[in-house]
C-alpha atoms as a PDB file:
ATOM      1  CA  MET A   1       8.705 -49.029 110.534  1.00  0.00           C
ATOM      2  CA  ALA A   2       6.799 -51.994 112.275  1.00  0.00           C
ATOM      3  CA  GLY A   3       9.154 -55.181 112.407  1.00  0.00           C
ATOM      4  CA  LEU A   4       8.314 -58.397 110.381  1.00  0.00           C
ATOM      5  CA  ARG A   5       6.263 -60.321 112.725  1.00  0.00           C
ATOM      6  CA  VAL A   6       7.914 -63.564 113.280  1.00  0.00           C
ATOM      7  CA  LEU A   7       6.671 -66.996 114.518  1.00  0.00           C
ATOM      8  CA  LEU A   8       9.070 -69.906 115.320  1.00  0.00           C
ATOM      9  CA  ALA A   9       8.484 -73.580 115.149  1.00  0.00           C
ATOM     10  CA  ASP A  10      11.420 -75.941 116.308  1.00  0.00           C
ATOM     11  CA  ASP A  11      11.175 -78.734 118.805  1.00  0.00           C
ATOM     12  CA  HIS A  12      14.227 -77.928 120.557  1.00  0.00           C
ATOM     13  CA  ARG A  13      14.542 -74.983 122.930  1.00  0.00           C
ATOM     14  CA  LEU A  14      18.173 -74.127 122.226  1.00  0.00           C
ATOM     15  CA  MET A  15      17.178 -73.534 118.767  1.00  0.00           C
ATOM     16  CA  LEU A  16      14.065 -71.381 119.311  1.00  0.00           C
ATOM     17  CA  ALA A  17      16.510 -69.405 121.714  1.00  0.00           C
ATOM     18  CA  ALA A  18      18.966 -69.088 119.101  1.00  0.00           C
ATOM     19  CA  ALA A  19      16.766 -68.077 116.208  1.00  0.00           C
ATOM     20  CA  ARG A  20      14.894 -65.351 118.478  1.00  0.00           C
ATOM     21  CA  ARG A  21      18.470 -64.113 119.423  1.00  0.00           C
ATOM     22  CA  VAL A  22      19.607 -63.912 115.779  1.00  0.00           C
ATOM     23  CA  LEU A  23      16.610 -62.171 114.806  1.00  0.00           C
ATOM     24  CA  GLU A  24      15.673 -59.553 117.538  1.00  0.00           C
ATOM     25  CA  ARG A  25      19.284 -58.185 117.109  1.00  0.00           C
ATOM     26  CA  HIS A  26      17.730 -56.497 114.274  1.00  0.00           C
ATOM     27  CA  ASP A  27      15.156 -53.760 114.739  1.00  0.00           C
ATOM     28  CA  ASP A  28      12.884 -54.591 111.811  1.00  0.00           C
ATOM     29  CA  PHE A  29      11.894 -57.974 113.515  1.00  0.00           C
ATOM     30  CA  GLU A  30       9.392 -58.883 116.305  1.00  0.00           C
ATOM     31  CA  ILE A  31       8.885 -62.513 117.380  1.00  0.00           C
ATOM     32  CA  VAL A  32       5.325 -63.059 117.863  1.00  0.00           C
ATOM     33  CA  GLY A  33       5.201 -66.775 119.121  1.00  0.00           C
ATOM     34  CA  GLU A  34       6.794 -70.015 119.674  1.00  0.00           C
ATOM     35  CA  VAL A  35       5.815 -73.192 118.944  1.00  0.00           C
ATOM     36  CA  MET A  36       7.286 -76.701 119.521  1.00  0.00           C
ATOM     37  CA  ARG A  37       5.061 -78.972 118.116  1.00  0.00           C
ATOM     38  CA  GLY A  38       3.697 -79.697 114.316  1.00  0.00           C
ATOM     39  CA  THR A  39       0.074 -79.581 115.122  1.00  0.00           C
ATOM     40  CA  GLN A  40       0.591 -76.048 116.947  1.00  0.00           C
ATOM     41  CA  VAL A  41       1.799 -74.186 113.769  1.00  0.00           C
ATOM     42  CA  VAL A  42      -1.635 -73.769 111.913  1.00  0.00           C
ATOM     43  CA  PRO A  43      -3.488 -72.601 115.072  1.00  0.00           C
ATOM     44  CA  ALA A  44      -0.704 -70.464 115.721  1.00  0.00           C
ATOM     45  CA  VAL A  45      -0.604 -68.901 112.282  1.00  0.00           C
ATOM     46  CA  GLY A  46      -4.326 -68.208 112.589  1.00  0.00           C
ATOM     47  CA  SER A  47      -4.060 -66.488 116.024  1.00  0.00           C
ATOM     48  CA  LEU A  48      -0.896 -64.509 115.773  1.00  0.00           C
ATOM     49  CA  ALA A  49      -0.863 -63.447 111.766  1.00  0.00           C
ATOM     50  CA  PRO A  50       2.993 -63.352 111.404  1.00  0.00           C
ATOM     51  CA  ASP A  51       4.482 -61.965 108.417  1.00  0.00           C
ATOM     52  CA  VAL A  52       6.727 -65.405 108.359  1.00  0.00           C
ATOM     53  CA  VAL A  53       7.051 -68.460 109.826  1.00  0.00           C
ATOM     54  CA  LEU A  54      10.511 -70.028 110.454  1.00  0.00           C
ATOM     55  CA  LEU A  55       9.897 -73.731 110.469  1.00  0.00           C
ATOM     56  CA  ASP A  56      11.851 -76.657 111.363  1.00  0.00           C
ATOM     57  CA  VAL A  57      11.361 -80.062 109.059  1.00  0.00           C
ATOM     58  CA  ARG A  58      11.644 -82.651 112.330  1.00  0.00           C
ATOM     59  CA  MET A  59       8.592 -81.628 114.394  1.00  0.00           C
ATOM     60  CA  PRO A  60       6.631 -83.888 116.700  1.00  0.00           C
ATOM     61  CA  GLY A  61       2.787 -84.371 115.909  1.00  0.00           C
ATOM     62  CA  LEU A  62       3.340 -83.267 112.210  1.00  0.00           C
ATOM     63  CA  ASP A  63       6.929 -82.483 110.071  1.00  0.00           C
ATOM     64  CA  GLY A  64       7.791 -79.434 108.903  1.00  0.00           C
ATOM     65  CA  ILE A  65       6.532 -80.267 105.282  1.00  0.00           C
ATOM     66  CA  ALA A  66       3.165 -81.483 106.113  1.00  0.00           C
ATOM     67  CA  CYS A  67       2.708 -78.285 108.508  1.00  0.00           C
ATOM     68  CA  LEU A  68       3.522 -76.323 105.463  1.00  0.00           C
ATOM     69  CA  LYS A  69       0.840 -78.269 103.033  1.00  0.00           C
ATOM     70  CA  ARG A  70      -1.559 -78.176 105.870  1.00  0.00           C
ATOM     71  CA  LEU A  71      -1.397 -73.954 105.958  1.00  0.00           C
ATOM     72  CA  ARG A  72      -1.811 -73.792 102.223  1.00  0.00           C
ATOM     73  CA  ALA A  73      -4.644 -75.957 102.663  1.00  0.00           C
ATOM     74  CA  HIS A  74      -6.122 -73.829 104.921  1.00  0.00           C
ATOM     75  CA  GLY A  75      -5.539 -70.745 102.270  1.00  0.00           C
ATOM     76  CA  SER A  76      -2.302 -69.292 104.094  1.00  0.00           C
ATOM     77  CA  ASN A  77      -0.087 -67.501 102.035  1.00  0.00           C
ATOM     78  CA  VAL A  78       2.345 -66.735 105.027  1.00  0.00           C
ATOM     79  CA  PRO A  79       5.727 -67.400 103.726  1.00  0.00           C
ATOM     80  CA  VAL A  80       7.482 -70.279 105.042  1.00  0.00           C
ATOM     81  CA  VAL A  81      11.442 -70.510 106.035  1.00  0.00           C
ATOM     82  CA  ILE A  82      11.857 -74.326 106.284  1.00  0.00           C
ATOM     83  CA  ILE A  83      15.112 -74.592 108.504  1.00  0.00           C
ATOM     84  CA  SER A  84      16.794 -78.248 108.996  1.00  0.00           C
ATOM     85  CA  SER A  85      19.689 -80.248 109.071  1.00  0.00           C
ATOM     86  CA  TYR A  86      18.405 -82.318 106.308  1.00  0.00           C
ATOM     87  CA  VAL A  87      19.708 -80.843 103.203  1.00  0.00           C
ATOM     88  CA  ASP A  88      19.405 -83.384 100.551  1.00  0.00           C
ATOM     89  CA  ASP A  89      17.547 -82.465  97.524  1.00  0.00           C
ATOM     90  CA  GLU A  90      14.663 -84.879  98.232  1.00  0.00           C
ATOM     91  CA  HIS A  91      13.987 -82.602 101.182  1.00  0.00           C
ATOM     92  CA  VAL A  92      14.646 -79.442  99.458  1.00  0.00           C
ATOM     93  CA  GLU A  93      12.303 -80.115  96.710  1.00  0.00           C
ATOM     94  CA  ALA A  94       9.584 -81.690  98.874  1.00  0.00           C
ATOM     95  CA  ALA A  95       9.972 -78.283 100.543  1.00  0.00           C
ATOM     96  CA  ARG A  96       9.777 -76.095  97.493  1.00  0.00           C
ATOM     97  CA  SER A  97       6.749 -78.469  95.812  1.00  0.00           C
ATOM     98  CA  ALA A  98       4.587 -77.461  99.183  1.00  0.00           C
ATOM     99  CA  GLY A  99       5.271 -73.614  98.920  1.00  0.00           C
ATOM    100  CA  ALA A 100       8.194 -72.770 101.201  1.00  0.00           C
ATOM    101  CA  ALA A 101       9.650 -69.338 100.541  1.00  0.00           C
ATOM    102  CA  ALA A 102      13.326 -70.718 101.337  1.00  0.00           C
ATOM    103  CA  TYR A 103      14.953 -73.683 102.686  1.00  0.00           C
ATOM    104  CA  VAL A 104      17.891 -73.457 104.966  1.00  0.00           C
ATOM    105  CA  GLY A 105      20.713 -75.865 106.660  1.00  0.00           C
ATOM    106  CA  LYS A 106      20.837 -75.275 110.136  1.00  0.00           C
ATOM    107  CA  THR A 107      24.661 -75.141 109.486  1.00  0.00           C
ATOM    108  CA  ILE A 108      24.668 -71.800 107.961  1.00  0.00           C
ATOM    109  CA  ASP A 109      26.366 -68.631 109.130  1.00  0.00           C
ATOM    110  CA  PRO A 110      23.577 -67.481 111.638  1.00  0.00           C
ATOM    111  CA  ALA A 111      24.219 -63.738 110.436  1.00  0.00           C
ATOM    112  CA  LYS A 112      22.690 -64.705 107.219  1.00  0.00           C
ATOM    113  CA  LEU A 113      19.305 -65.526 108.516  1.00  0.00           C
ATOM    114  CA  PRO A 114      17.841 -62.152 109.003  1.00  0.00           C
ATOM    115  CA  GLU A 115      18.529 -61.621 105.319  1.00  0.00           C
ATOM    116  CA  ILE A 116      16.773 -64.588 104.442  1.00  0.00           C
ATOM    117  CA  VAL A 117      13.701 -63.840 106.500  1.00  0.00           C
ATOM    118  CA  ARG A 118      13.387 -60.351 104.828  1.00  0.00           C
ATOM    119  CA  ALA A 119      13.896 -61.721 101.272  1.00  0.00           C
ATOM    120  CA  ALA A 120      11.252 -64.286 102.048  1.00  0.00           C
ATOM    121  CA  ALA A 121       8.958 -61.622 103.545  1.00  0.00           C
ATOM    122  CA  GLY A 122       9.442 -59.684 100.742  1.00  0.00           C
ATOM    123  CA  GLY A 123       8.349 -62.101  97.954  1.00  0.00           C
ATOM    124  CA  ALA A 124      11.593 -63.320  96.989  1.00  0.00           C
ATOM    125  CA  PRO A 125      11.838 -66.377  94.565  1.00  0.00           C
ATOM    126  CA  PHE A 126      12.528 -69.781  96.331  1.00  0.00           C
ATOM    127  CA  THR A 127      16.322 -69.965  97.436  1.00  0.00           C
ATOM    128  CA  VAL A 128      18.343 -72.587  99.385  1.00  0.00           C
ATOM    129  CA  SER A 129      21.308 -72.155 101.791  1.00  0.00           C
ATOM    130  CA  ARG A 130      23.156 -75.479 102.207  1.00  0.00           C
ATOM    131  CA  PRO A 131      25.351 -75.888 104.860  1.00  0.00           C
ATOM    132  CA  GLY A 132      29.232 -75.504 104.003  1.00  0.00           C
ATOM    133  CA  ALA A 133      28.789 -73.150 101.252  1.00  0.00           C
ATOM    134  CA  GLU A 134      30.937 -70.628 102.567  1.00  0.00           C
ATOM    135  CA  ARG A 135      33.651 -73.323 102.624  1.00  0.00           C
ATOM    136  CA  ASP A 136      36.757 -74.137 100.262  1.00  0.00           C
ATOM    137  CA  ASP A 137      35.289 -76.617  97.834  1.00  0.00           C
ATOM    138  CA  SER A 138      38.661 -77.993  96.564  1.00  0.00           C
ATOM    139  CA  CYS A 139      38.315 -80.802  98.514  1.00  0.00           C
ATOM    140  CA  GLU A 140      35.346 -81.587  96.712  1.00  0.00           C
ATOM    141  CA  LEU A 141      33.249 -83.051  99.571  1.00  0.00           C
ATOM    142  CA  SER A 142      29.737 -83.951  98.336  1.00  0.00           C
ATOM    143  CA  GLU A 143      26.300 -82.635 100.461  1.00  0.00           C
ATOM    144  CA  ARG A 144      25.804 -85.781 102.295  1.00  0.00           C
ATOM    145  CA  GLU A 145      29.668 -85.537 103.195  1.00  0.00           C
ATOM    146  CA  VAL A 146      28.915 -82.047 104.224  1.00  0.00           C
ATOM    147  CA  THR A 147      25.934 -83.112 106.256  1.00  0.00           C
ATOM    148  CA  VAL A 148      27.618 -86.313 108.284  1.00  0.00           C
ATOM    149  CA  LEU A 149      30.545 -83.812 108.923  1.00  0.00           C
ATOM    150  CA  ALA A 150      28.199 -80.707 110.164  1.00  0.00           C
ATOM    151  CA  ALA A 151      26.727 -83.586 112.426  1.00  0.00           C
ATOM    152  CA  LEU A 152      30.087 -84.522 113.923  1.00  0.00           C
ATOM    153  CA  THR A 153      30.907 -81.065 114.912  1.00  0.00           C
ATOM    154  CA  ARG A 154      27.682 -81.155 116.818  1.00  0.00           C
ATOM    155  CA  GLY A 155      29.128 -84.288 119.080  1.00  0.00           C
ATOM    156  CA  LEU A 156      27.035 -87.067 117.600  1.00  0.00           C
ATOM    157  CA  SER A 157      28.074 -90.539 117.642  1.00  0.00           C
ATOM    158  CA  ASN A 158      27.928 -92.638 114.304  1.00  0.00           C
ATOM    159  CA  ARG A 159      24.760 -94.204 115.724  1.00  0.00           C
ATOM    160  CA  GLN A 160      23.214 -90.831 116.122  1.00  0.00           C
ATOM    161  CA  ILE A 161      24.157 -89.323 112.926  1.00  0.00           C
ATOM    162  CA  GLY A 162      22.296 -92.538 111.367  1.00  0.00           C
ATOM    163  CA  GLU A 163      19.805 -92.200 112.890  1.00  0.00           C
ATOM    164  CA  GLU A 164      19.321 -88.451 112.264  1.00  0.00           C
ATOM    165  CA  LEU A 165      19.788 -88.803 108.692  1.00  0.00           C
ATOM    166  CA  TRP A 166      17.830 -92.233 108.318  1.00  0.00           C
ATOM    167  CA  VAL A 167      20.985 -94.279 106.858  1.00  0.00           C
ATOM    168  CA  SER A 168      22.646 -97.175 108.881  1.00  0.00           C
ATOM    169  CA  GLU A 169      25.463 -96.793 111.160  1.00  0.00           C
ATOM    170  CA  GLN A 170      28.020 -98.365 108.546  1.00  0.00           C
ATOM    171  CA  THR A 171      26.643 -95.872 106.087  1.00  0.00           C
ATOM    172  CA  VAL A 172      27.877 -93.208 108.508  1.00  0.00           C
ATOM    173  CA  LYS A 173      31.236 -94.934 108.648  1.00  0.00           C
ATOM    174  CA  PHE A 174      31.736 -95.098 104.966  1.00  0.00           C
ATOM    175  CA  HIS A 175      30.739 -91.320 104.590  1.00  0.00           C
ATOM    176  CA  LEU A 176      33.320 -90.605 107.171  1.00  0.00           C
ATOM    177  CA  ARG A 177      36.252 -92.749 105.688  1.00  0.00           C
ATOM    178  CA  ASN A 178      35.539 -90.573 102.467  1.00  0.00           C
ATOM    179  CA  VAL A 179      35.545 -87.503 104.509  1.00  0.00           C
ATOM    180  CA  TYR A 180      38.643 -88.181 106.235  1.00  0.00           C
ATOM    181  CA  ARG A 181      40.761 -89.309 102.976  1.00  0.00           C
ATOM    182  CA  LYS A 182      39.680 -86.042 101.059  1.00  0.00           C
ATOM    183  CA  ILE A 183      40.304 -83.404 103.846  1.00  0.00           C
ATOM    184  CA  ASP A 184      43.505 -85.448 104.859  1.00  0.00           C
ATOM    185  CA  VAL A 185      42.958 -86.252 108.811  1.00  0.00           C
ATOM    186  CA  LYS A 186      43.080 -89.597 110.575  1.00  0.00           C
ATOM    187  CA  LYS A 187      40.921 -88.648 113.826  1.00  0.00           C
ATOM    188  CA  ARG A 188      37.533 -87.313 114.504  1.00  0.00           C
ATOM    189  CA  ALA A 189      38.965 -84.393 116.623  1.00  0.00           C
ATOM    190  CA  GLU A 190      40.804 -83.557 113.397  1.00  0.00           C
ATOM    191  CA  ALA A 191      37.795 -83.584 111.084  1.00  0.00           C
ATOM    192  CA  VAL A 192      36.232 -81.400 113.928  1.00  0.00           C
ATOM    193  CA  ARG A 193      38.519 -78.834 113.549  1.00  0.00           C
ATOM    194  CA  TRP A 194      38.912 -78.519 110.009  1.00  0.00           C
ATOM    195  CA  ALA A 195      35.128 -78.367 109.411  1.00  0.00           C
ATOM    196  CA  TYR A 196      35.226 -75.310 112.025  1.00  0.00           C
ATOM    197  CA  SER A 197      38.071 -73.905 110.413  1.00  0.00           C
ATOM    198  CA  HIS A 198      36.264 -74.205 106.654  1.00  0.00           C
ATOM    199  CA  GLY A 199      32.710 -72.747 108.073  1.00  0.00           C
ATOM    200  CA  ILE A 200      31.002 -76.090 108.307  1.00  0.00           C
ATOM    201  CA  GLY A 201      29.423 -76.584 111.997  1.00  0.00           C
ATOM    202  CA  ARG A 202      28.781 -72.925 112.775  1.00  0.00           C
ATOM    203  CA  GLU A 203      25.154 -73.822 113.613  1.00  0.00           C
ATOM    204  CA  LEU A 204      22.204 -71.312 115.127  1.00  0.00           C
ATOM    205  CA  SER A 205      23.101 -73.113 118.261  1.00  0.00           C
ATOM    206  CA  ARG A 206      26.476 -71.588 118.805  1.00  0.00           C
ATOM    207  CA  VAL A 207      24.749 -68.387 118.920  1.00  0.00           C
ATOM    208  CA  ALA A 208      22.843 -69.004 122.036  1.00  0.00           C
ATOM    209  CA  GLN A 209      25.802 -69.689 124.179  1.00  0.00           C
END
């Protein structure tokens, strides 16, 4: 049986390499191309005819949601799996409305990605895989708190987290204070250790090591 032809679109080489490695561990996937700019997505789909597109939200030139809308405007029905560090309801709903097949947070277990891509290619209903889905929910972290905590595991400063999430540094500090209180830690390093032990922060980039 021929493998599913996958186009990877992400502006980070590490993420491209990680996604390629995860998928190519399975015989039923073939990576037919990689692009790093949003404006390259539509032409690449036209020339490479992939069965599935794995598309980052934050792309230079044209963001992932805009890429998806442009694909649909050009008459392409290729299943698109959106993958992003943004997992808030607004981004998820924008992707769903634009015609995405699935929405994946970058902190999911990498082993789950092949299953998600297969389901998308098979026409499964829209699904959302949020970060921290496998963690112990007893601490009742909000989705935004999980996102901030996952960013912490990537070594980002409060300023960098704020820039990535489009919030102020003070807002990041507010979320972190709540996180520390809920998981009963006092230091950044302790929070990172807690995150890894509860399945948060296992972003795809780890498999590229």
